[in-house]
């Protein structure tokens, strides 16, 4: 390991700072520590090579651990925003979701470059939960943040937070140093939104993973007001006969425990992981093109094309390579990461290999030429 408990305890998620390289070379990453007293820390990654030892990757702390602004931070992501400080330069923003014991919290930090200290910019508390499930939804639980991509670096940045405890997707807009809530999309009661990702090709569309009902939900951002709305009913990622009553898995939330969901890089397929069932469901996006609409791609739904075992236990995180050819799966309870090759024609997956990694909770890819 290049980062141990000596530097940061219970690391659960990380983000790679996009388009940010350190003065000394290498890449900047930020990691959250999912403990009651939530912390996070930036690190510099670098590599060196020699004929005898091969390539060695190192992680150097870029400052001391910092408070995350809440309890049990479980997700962190980043963005480069031009004009955030009122000037033309780019600012690195970090978005940390604190799952929370009593309330979910979104914390936002900023820095002009990786070498300077991050400072807190905003903090949002999400309040009570939906109470649809009294064991898990008494209060809000901020689980993850997704950034709506835009071709214009000077336009407002939309971010959306999946609030598992409140059964809601909370929408924010960032412009000229101000962060404000702009809307909420109510998810089905008791569904527990866990993760959300915008389509890389059609950025008005997004996929939401509903942890507690074992489903995915296709949503869109309306062109006339920018608000979110659901497109039809959620779709199950589990077989209709799962689980049978005599199975141990049925004792935990009736066997429904969705985790991550993401799009293929071409925007045509969705990959959704199910814990307990330990599988990935592959869906094809069905759509039509309307020539005279602002959002010309009109989504019509998702069609299941494959369901494949993940080759491990408790798939918690998925990662797609930039080229779209490979998919990685982090398994928390079998302590490994498995890899799959993706058929670019029909979206289906084929198992390739597996490596051992203790308590694998998050997996990300960094290009070797960036280190």
Protein backbone atom coordinates (compact mmCIF):
# COMPACT_ATOMS: atom_id res chain seq x y z
CA UNK A 1 0.00 0.00 0.00
CA UNK A 2 1.10 3.57 -0.70
CA UNK A 3 -1.27 5.10 1.90
CA UNK A 4 -1.72 3.33 5.25
CA UNK A 5 -3.71 3.88 8.45
CA UNK A 6 -0.71 5.80 9.74
CA UNK A 7 -1.55 8.58 7.28
CA UNK A 8 -5.36 8.24 7.13
CA UNK A 9 -7.63 5.76 8.90
CA UNK A 10 -10.46 3.89 7.18
CA UNK A 11 -10.09 5.42 3.70
CA UNK A 12 -13.31 4.71 1.79
CA UNK A 13 -13.34 6.88 -1.33
CA UNK A 14 -11.01 9.06 -3.39
CA UNK A 15 -11.09 11.56 -6.21
CA UNK A 16 -8.44 12.40 -8.79
CA UNK A 17 -8.10 16.14 -9.33
CA UNK A 18 -8.89 16.64 -12.99
CA UNK A 19 -6.35 18.59 -15.03
CA UNK A 20 -4.26 19.35 -11.96
CA UNK A 21 -0.61 18.41 -11.80
CA UNK A 22 1.61 19.27 -8.87
CA UNK A 23 4.62 21.53 -9.14
CA UNK A 24 6.91 18.58 -8.41
CA UNK A 25 5.16 16.42 -10.99
CA UNK A 26 2.66 13.65 -10.43
CA UNK A 27 -1.06 13.82 -9.81
CA UNK A 28 -3.16 15.14 -6.94
CA UNK A 29 -5.68 12.87 -5.21
CA UNK A 30 -7.93 13.49 -2.21
CA UNK A 31 -9.17 10.72 0.11
CA UNK A 32 -11.93 10.66 2.75
CA UNK A 33 -11.69 8.85 6.09
CA UNK A 34 -15.10 7.35 6.87
CA UNK A 35 -15.14 7.73 10.64
CA UNK A 36 -17.50 9.50 13.05
CA UNK A 37 -15.08 12.42 13.21
CA UNK A 38 -14.91 12.79 9.47
CA UNK A 39 -11.56 13.70 7.91
CA UNK A 40 -10.04 13.96 4.45
CA UNK A 41 -6.53 14.49 3.13
CA UNK A 42 -4.82 15.45 -0.14
CA UNK A 43 -1.89 13.41 -1.47
CA UNK A 44 0.59 13.76 -4.31
CA UNK A 45 1.12 10.64 -6.40
CA UNK A 46 4.32 10.19 -8.34
CA UNK A 47 6.25 7.34 -9.92
CA UNK A 48 9.82 6.35 -10.61
CA UNK A 49 11.28 3.55 -12.69
CA UNK A 50 14.47 1.56 -12.80
CA UNK A 51 15.56 -1.63 -14.50
CA UNK A 52 15.77 -3.68 -11.30
CA UNK A 53 12.62 -2.71 -9.37
CA UNK A 54 10.36 -1.67 -12.23
CA UNK A 55 7.90 1.16 -11.59
CA UNK A 56 7.33 2.40 -8.03
CA UNK A 57 4.35 4.60 -7.15
CA UNK A 58 4.54 6.84 -4.10
CA UNK A 59 1.98 8.91 -2.20
CA UNK A 60 3.13 11.98 -0.30
CA UNK A 61 0.74 13.84 2.03
CA UNK A 62 0.08 17.37 0.78
CA UNK A 63 -0.72 18.81 4.17
CA UNK A 64 -2.32 17.48 7.33
CA UNK A 65 -5.70 15.68 7.47
CA UNK A 66 -8.63 18.11 7.45
CA UNK A 67 -12.12 17.97 8.94
CA UNK A 68 -14.73 16.91 6.42
CA UNK A 69 -17.48 19.04 7.96
CA UNK A 70 -19.62 16.11 9.08
CA UNK A 71 -19.73 12.49 10.21
CA UNK A 72 -18.76 9.40 8.23
CA UNK A 73 -17.73 10.96 4.91
CA UNK A 74 -18.38 8.31 2.26
CA UNK A 75 -17.87 10.10 -1.07
CA UNK A 76 -15.65 12.81 -2.55
CA UNK A 77 -15.51 14.24 -6.05
CA UNK A 78 -13.87 17.25 -7.69
CA UNK A 79 -14.26 19.79 -10.47
CA UNK A 80 -12.32 22.65 -12.06
CA UNK A 81 -14.47 25.77 -12.27
CA UNK A 82 -13.48 28.92 -14.16
CA UNK A 83 -14.51 32.21 -12.59
CA UNK A 84 -15.45 30.83 -9.19
CA UNK A 85 -13.42 33.55 -7.45
CA UNK A 86 -14.67 36.27 -9.79
CA UNK A 87 -11.57 36.07 -11.97
CA UNK A 88 -10.74 34.18 -15.16
CA UNK A 89 -8.54 31.57 -13.50
CA UNK A 90 -9.69 28.03 -12.67
CA UNK A 91 -10.45 26.89 -9.12
CA UNK A 92 -10.39 23.30 -7.85
CA UNK A 93 -13.54 22.45 -5.93
CA UNK A 94 -14.01 19.40 -3.70
CA UNK A 95 -17.47 18.06 -2.82
CA UNK A 96 -17.61 15.77 0.21
CA UNK A 97 -20.73 13.82 1.17
CA UNK A 98 -20.90 13.13 4.89
CA UNK A 99 -23.32 10.25 5.35
CA UNK A 100 -23.90 11.28 8.95
CA UNK A 101 -25.26 9.60 12.06
CA UNK A 102 -27.95 12.23 12.70
CA UNK A 103 -27.93 14.26 9.47
CA UNK A 104 -26.36 14.18 6.03
CA UNK A 105 -24.02 17.06 5.15
CA UNK A 106 -22.48 18.29 1.89
CA UNK A 107 -19.19 20.16 2.40
CA UNK A 108 -17.46 22.14 -0.35
CA UNK A 109 -13.77 23.14 -0.33
CA UNK A 110 -11.75 25.21 -2.81
CA UNK A 111 -8.13 25.79 -3.81
CA UNK A 112 -6.46 27.72 -6.61
CA UNK A 113 -3.90 24.96 -7.12
CA UNK A 114 -2.95 21.73 -5.44
CA UNK A 115 0.05 23.28 -3.73
CA UNK A 116 -2.06 25.79 -1.78
CA UNK A 117 -4.34 24.99 1.14
CA UNK A 118 -7.97 24.07 0.56
CA UNK A 119 -10.45 26.29 2.35
CA UNK A 120 -14.08 25.56 3.23
CA UNK A 121 -16.54 27.35 0.95
CA UNK A 122 -20.00 26.08 1.88
CA UNK A 123 -21.80 23.53 3.99
CA UNK A 124 -25.34 22.22 3.53
CA UNK A 125 -27.30 20.18 6.06
CA UNK A 126 -30.11 18.02 4.69
CA UNK A 127 -32.26 17.59 7.81
CA UNK A 128 -34.79 14.83 8.44
CA UNK A 129 -35.15 11.67 6.40
CA UNK A 130 -38.21 10.37 4.63
CA UNK A 131 -38.84 7.82 7.45
CA UNK A 132 -40.14 5.35 4.88
CA UNK A 133 -37.72 2.88 6.47
CA UNK A 134 -37.47 3.72 10.17
CA UNK A 135 -34.22 1.78 10.56
CA UNK A 136 -32.29 3.60 7.83
CA UNK A 137 -34.19 6.77 6.94
CA UNK A 138 -34.88 8.56 10.21
CA UNK A 139 -32.55 11.30 9.00
CA UNK A 140 -30.94 12.41 5.76
CA UNK A 141 -27.83 10.61 4.50
CA UNK A 142 -25.82 12.40 1.81
CA UNK A 143 -24.33 9.50 -0.14
CA UNK A 144 -22.72 10.84 -3.33
CA UNK A 145 -22.36 13.86 -5.59
CA UNK A 146 -22.41 14.04 -9.38
CA UNK A 147 -21.43 16.96 -11.57
CA UNK A 148 -23.42 17.76 -14.70
CA UNK A 149 -20.90 18.12 -17.50
CA UNK A 150 -20.96 21.21 -19.68
CA UNK A 151 -19.03 22.27 -22.76
CA UNK A 152 -18.75 25.85 -21.49
CA UNK A 153 -16.26 26.25 -18.59
CA UNK A 154 -17.74 29.69 -17.81
CA UNK A 155 -21.34 28.53 -17.42
CA UNK A 156 -22.86 27.72 -13.99
CA UNK A 157 -21.95 24.28 -12.67
CA UNK A 158 -24.81 21.98 -11.65
CA UNK A 159 -24.15 19.38 -8.98
CA UNK A 160 -26.60 16.81 -7.67
CA UNK A 161 -26.48 14.99 -4.33
CA UNK A 162 -28.06 11.58 -3.83
CA UNK A 163 -29.69 11.67 -0.38
CA UNK A 164 -30.36 8.08 0.63
CA UNK A 165 -32.10 9.03 3.86
CA UNK A 166 -34.53 11.56 2.37
CA UNK A 167 -35.33 9.69 -0.86
CA UNK A 168 -34.28 12.74 -2.86
CA UNK A 169 -31.87 14.08 -5.45
CA UNK A 170 -30.84 17.57 -4.31
CA UNK A 171 -29.71 19.98 -7.03
CA UNK A 172 -27.27 22.88 -6.60
CA UNK A 173 -25.90 25.57 -8.90
CA UNK A 174 -22.44 27.14 -8.58
CA UNK A 175 -21.70 30.53 -10.13
CA UNK A 176 -19.34 33.38 -9.24
CA UNK A 177 -18.40 31.92 -5.88
CA UNK A 178 -21.98 31.28 -4.80
CA UNK A 179 -23.54 27.87 -4.19
CA UNK A 180 -27.31 27.66 -3.94
CA UNK A 181 -29.89 24.91 -3.87
CA UNK A 182 -32.05 25.02 -7.00
CA UNK A 183 -34.38 22.06 -6.63
CA UNK A 184 -35.19 18.59 -5.35
CA UNK A 185 -36.39 15.53 -7.18
CA UNK A 186 -38.33 13.13 -5.00
CA UNK A 187 -37.35 9.52 -5.55
CA UNK A 188 -39.82 6.69 -4.83
CA UNK A 189 -40.46 6.30 -1.11
CA UNK A 190 -38.05 3.92 0.57
CA UNK A 191 -35.85 3.57 -2.54
CA UNK A 192 -32.71 5.14 -1.03
CA UNK A 193 -30.83 6.95 -3.84
CA UNK A 194 -27.16 5.98 -3.54
CA UNK A 195 -25.32 7.20 -6.62
CA UNK A 196 -26.00 9.29 -9.70
CA UNK A 197 -24.10 9.79 -12.95
CA UNK A 198 -24.87 12.07 -15.88
CA UNK A 199 -24.65 10.64 -19.38
CA UNK A 200 -21.26 11.58 -20.92
CA UNK A 201 -22.79 12.14 -24.38
CA UNK A 202 -26.29 13.38 -23.55
CA UNK A 203 -25.76 15.51 -20.45
CA UNK A 204 -29.45 16.13 -19.83
CA UNK A 205 -29.83 12.43 -18.92
CA UNK A 206 -28.65 10.70 -15.74
CA UNK A 207 -28.88 7.31 -14.09
CA UNK A 208 -29.64 6.90 -10.37
CA UNK A 209 -28.84 3.79 -8.34
CA UNK A 210 -31.59 3.07 -5.79
CA UNK A 211 -29.86 1.08 -3.07
CA UNK A 212 -32.79 -0.03 -0.93
CA UNK A 213 -35.08 -1.27 -3.71
CA UNK A 214 -32.35 -2.75 -5.92
CA UNK A 215 -33.23 -0.61 -8.93
CA UNK A 216 -31.92 2.00 -11.36
CA UNK A 217 -33.88 5.07 -12.36
CA UNK A 218 -33.48 7.10 -15.54
CA UNK A 219 -33.95 10.84 -14.99
CA UNK A 220 -33.45 13.98 -17.07
CA UNK A 221 -32.74 17.67 -16.67
CA UNK A 222 -35.46 19.71 -18.37
CA UNK A 223 -34.23 22.15 -21.01
CA UNK A 224 -36.67 24.96 -20.19
CA UNK A 225 -35.92 25.31 -16.45
CA UNK A 226 -33.02 22.96 -15.63
CA UNK A 227 -35.03 21.02 -13.05
CA UNK A 228 -34.82 17.24 -12.76
CA UNK A 229 -37.65 14.83 -13.47
CA UNK A 230 -38.00 11.06 -13.55
CA UNK A 231 -38.47 9.21 -16.82
CA UNK A 232 -40.89 6.39 -16.11
CA UNK A 233 -40.61 3.91 -13.27
CA UNK A 234 -37.36 2.52 -11.84
CA UNK A 235 -36.08 -0.75 -13.32
CA UNK A 236 -35.01 -3.71 -11.17
CA UNK A 237 -31.43 -4.93 -11.42
CA UNK A 238 -32.37 -8.31 -9.89
CA UNK A 239 -34.02 -11.43 -11.29
CA UNK A 240 -37.75 -11.63 -10.57
CA UNK A 241 -37.29 -14.79 -8.46
CA UNK A 242 -34.47 -13.38 -6.29
CA UNK A 243 -34.09 -14.22 -3.47
CA UNK A 244 -35.97 -17.34 -2.49
CA UNK A 245 -37.39 -17.17 1.06
CA UNK A 246 -35.00 -19.82 2.39
CA UNK A 247 -31.87 -17.94 1.33
CA UNK A 248 -29.76 -16.10 3.90
CA UNK A 249 -29.68 -13.07 1.59
CA UNK A 250 -33.44 -12.62 1.96
CA UNK A 251 -32.95 -11.66 5.62
CA UNK A 252 -31.26 -8.37 4.64
CA UNK A 253 -33.73 -5.97 3.08
CA UNK A 254 -35.30 -8.86 1.13
CA UNK A 255 -32.03 -9.34 -0.77
CA UNK A 256 -32.07 -5.87 -2.35
CA UNK A 257 -28.82 -3.94 -1.99
CA UNK A 258 -27.84 -1.99 -5.08
CA UNK A 259 -24.49 -0.19 -5.14
CA UNK A 260 -22.89 1.65 -8.04
CA UNK A 261 -24.24 2.46 -11.50
CA UNK A 262 -22.46 4.15 -14.40
CA UNK A 263 -22.69 4.87 -18.12
CA UNK A 264 -20.40 3.58 -20.83
CA UNK A 265 -18.21 6.28 -22.32
CA UNK A 266 -20.34 6.30 -25.49
CA UNK A 267 -23.48 6.98 -23.45
CA UNK A 268 -25.32 3.95 -24.83
CA UNK A 269 -25.22 1.49 -21.91
CA UNK A 270 -25.75 1.46 -18.15
CA UNK A 271 -23.85 -0.90 -15.81
CA UNK A 272 -25.44 -1.43 -12.39
CA UNK A 273 -24.04 -3.55 -9.54
CA UNK A 274 -26.10 -5.53 -7.02
CA UNK A 275 -24.63 -6.60 -3.70
CA UNK A 276 -25.88 -9.88 -2.16
CA UNK A 277 -26.72 -11.07 -5.68
CA UNK A 278 -23.14 -10.09 -6.65
CA UNK A 279 -23.93 -9.27 -10.25
CA UNK A 280 -23.80 -6.51 -12.84
CA UNK A 281 -26.85 -5.79 -14.97
CA UNK A 282 -26.22 -4.23 -18.37
CA UNK A 283 -28.95 -2.04 -19.86
CA UNK A 284 -29.15 -0.41 -23.26
CA UNK A 285 -30.51 3.12 -23.47
CA UNK A 286 -33.48 3.23 -25.83
CA UNK A 287 -34.11 6.61 -27.39
CA UNK A 288 -35.34 8.48 -30.42
CA UNK A 289 -33.98 11.65 -32.02
CA UNK A 290 -36.30 14.61 -32.50
CA UNK A 291 -34.82 17.17 -34.84
CA UNK A 292 -36.59 20.24 -33.50
CA UNK A 293 -36.07 19.76 -29.76
CA UNK A 294 -33.32 21.42 -27.71
CA UNK A 295 -32.48 18.05 -26.16
CA UNK A 296 -32.81 16.14 -29.43
CA UNK A 297 -32.20 12.73 -27.81
CA UNK A 298 -35.46 11.70 -26.17
CA UNK A 299 -34.99 8.74 -23.81
CA UNK A 300 -37.60 6.01 -23.99
CA UNK A 301 -36.28 3.65 -21.33
CA UNK A 302 -33.74 0.95 -20.48
CA UNK A 303 -33.62 -2.57 -21.90
CA UNK A 304 -31.76 -5.39 -20.13
CA UNK A 305 -29.14 -7.01 -22.36
CA UNK A 306 -27.05 -8.98 -19.83
CA UNK A 307 -26.72 -9.96 -16.18
CA UNK A 308 -23.31 -11.34 -15.22
CA UNK A 309 -21.65 -12.42 -11.93
CA UNK A 310 -19.03 -9.98 -10.67
CA UNK A 311 -16.68 -12.82 -9.67
CA UNK A 312 -16.53 -11.59 -6.07
CA UNK A 313 -18.56 -10.69 -3.00
CA UNK A 314 -20.20 -7.33 -2.37
CA UNK A 315 -19.42 -5.21 -5.45
CA UNK A 316 -19.26 -1.70 -4.00
CA UNK A 317 -17.71 0.45 -6.72
CA UNK A 318 -17.46 0.37 -10.52
CA UNK A 319 -14.94 2.14 -12.76
CA UNK A 320 -14.89 2.39 -16.56
CA UNK A 321 -11.67 3.01 -18.48
CA UNK A 322 -11.57 6.21 -20.52
CA UNK A 323 -11.48 4.20 -23.73
CA UNK A 324 -14.61 2.33 -22.68
CA UNK A 325 -13.02 -1.08 -23.24
CA UNK A 326 -12.68 -2.24 -19.63
CA UNK A 327 -14.77 -2.21 -16.45
CA UNK A 328 -13.33 -2.68 -12.95
CA UNK A 329 -15.31 -3.86 -9.91
CA UNK A 330 -14.18 -3.35 -6.28
CA UNK A 331 -15.40 -6.15 -3.94
CA UNK A 332 -15.55 -5.24 -0.28
CA UNK A 333 -16.02 -8.69 1.26
CA UNK A 334 -14.04 -10.94 -1.06
CA UNK A 335 -11.17 -8.42 -0.87
CA UNK A 336 -10.42 -8.10 -4.56
CA UNK A 337 -10.91 -6.15 -7.77
CA UNK A 338 -12.14 -7.93 -10.88
CA UNK A 339 -11.81 -6.73 -14.46
CA UNK A 340 -14.10 -7.19 -17.43
CA UNK A 341 -13.69 -6.50 -21.12
CA UNK A 342 -16.57 -4.63 -22.71
CA UNK A 343 -17.98 -5.40 -26.15
CA UNK A 344 -18.36 -1.97 -27.73
CA UNK A 345 -20.95 -3.22 -30.23
CA UNK A 346 -23.55 -4.68 -27.84
CA UNK A 347 -22.30 -3.51 -24.43
CA UNK A 348 -21.89 -6.99 -22.93
CA UNK A 349 -19.10 -7.89 -20.49
CA UNK A 350 -16.60 -10.77 -20.36
CA UNK A 351 -14.58 -11.59 -17.23
CA UNK A 352 -10.82 -11.09 -17.61
CA UNK A 353 -8.95 -11.28 -14.30
CA UNK A 354 -8.91 -10.60 -10.57
CA UNK A 355 -6.35 -9.16 -8.13
CA UNK A 356 -6.41 -9.29 -4.32
CA UNK A 357 -6.95 -6.02 -2.43
CA UNK A 358 -8.13 -5.98 1.21
CA UNK A 359 -11.55 -4.40 1.82
CA UNK A 360 -11.75 -2.93 -1.67
CA UNK A 361 -14.26 -0.06 -1.42
CA UNK A 362 -13.31 2.27 -4.26
CA UNK A 363 -11.47 1.82 -7.55
CA UNK A 364 -10.22 4.57 -9.87
CA UNK A 365 -7.91 4.61 -12.89
CA UNK A 366 -5.02 7.02 -13.44
CA UNK A 367 -3.16 7.07 -16.73
CA UNK A 368 0.44 5.96 -16.29
CA UNK A 369 1.77 8.87 -18.37
CA UNK A 370 0.30 11.30 -15.81
CA UNK A 371 2.50 9.99 -13.00
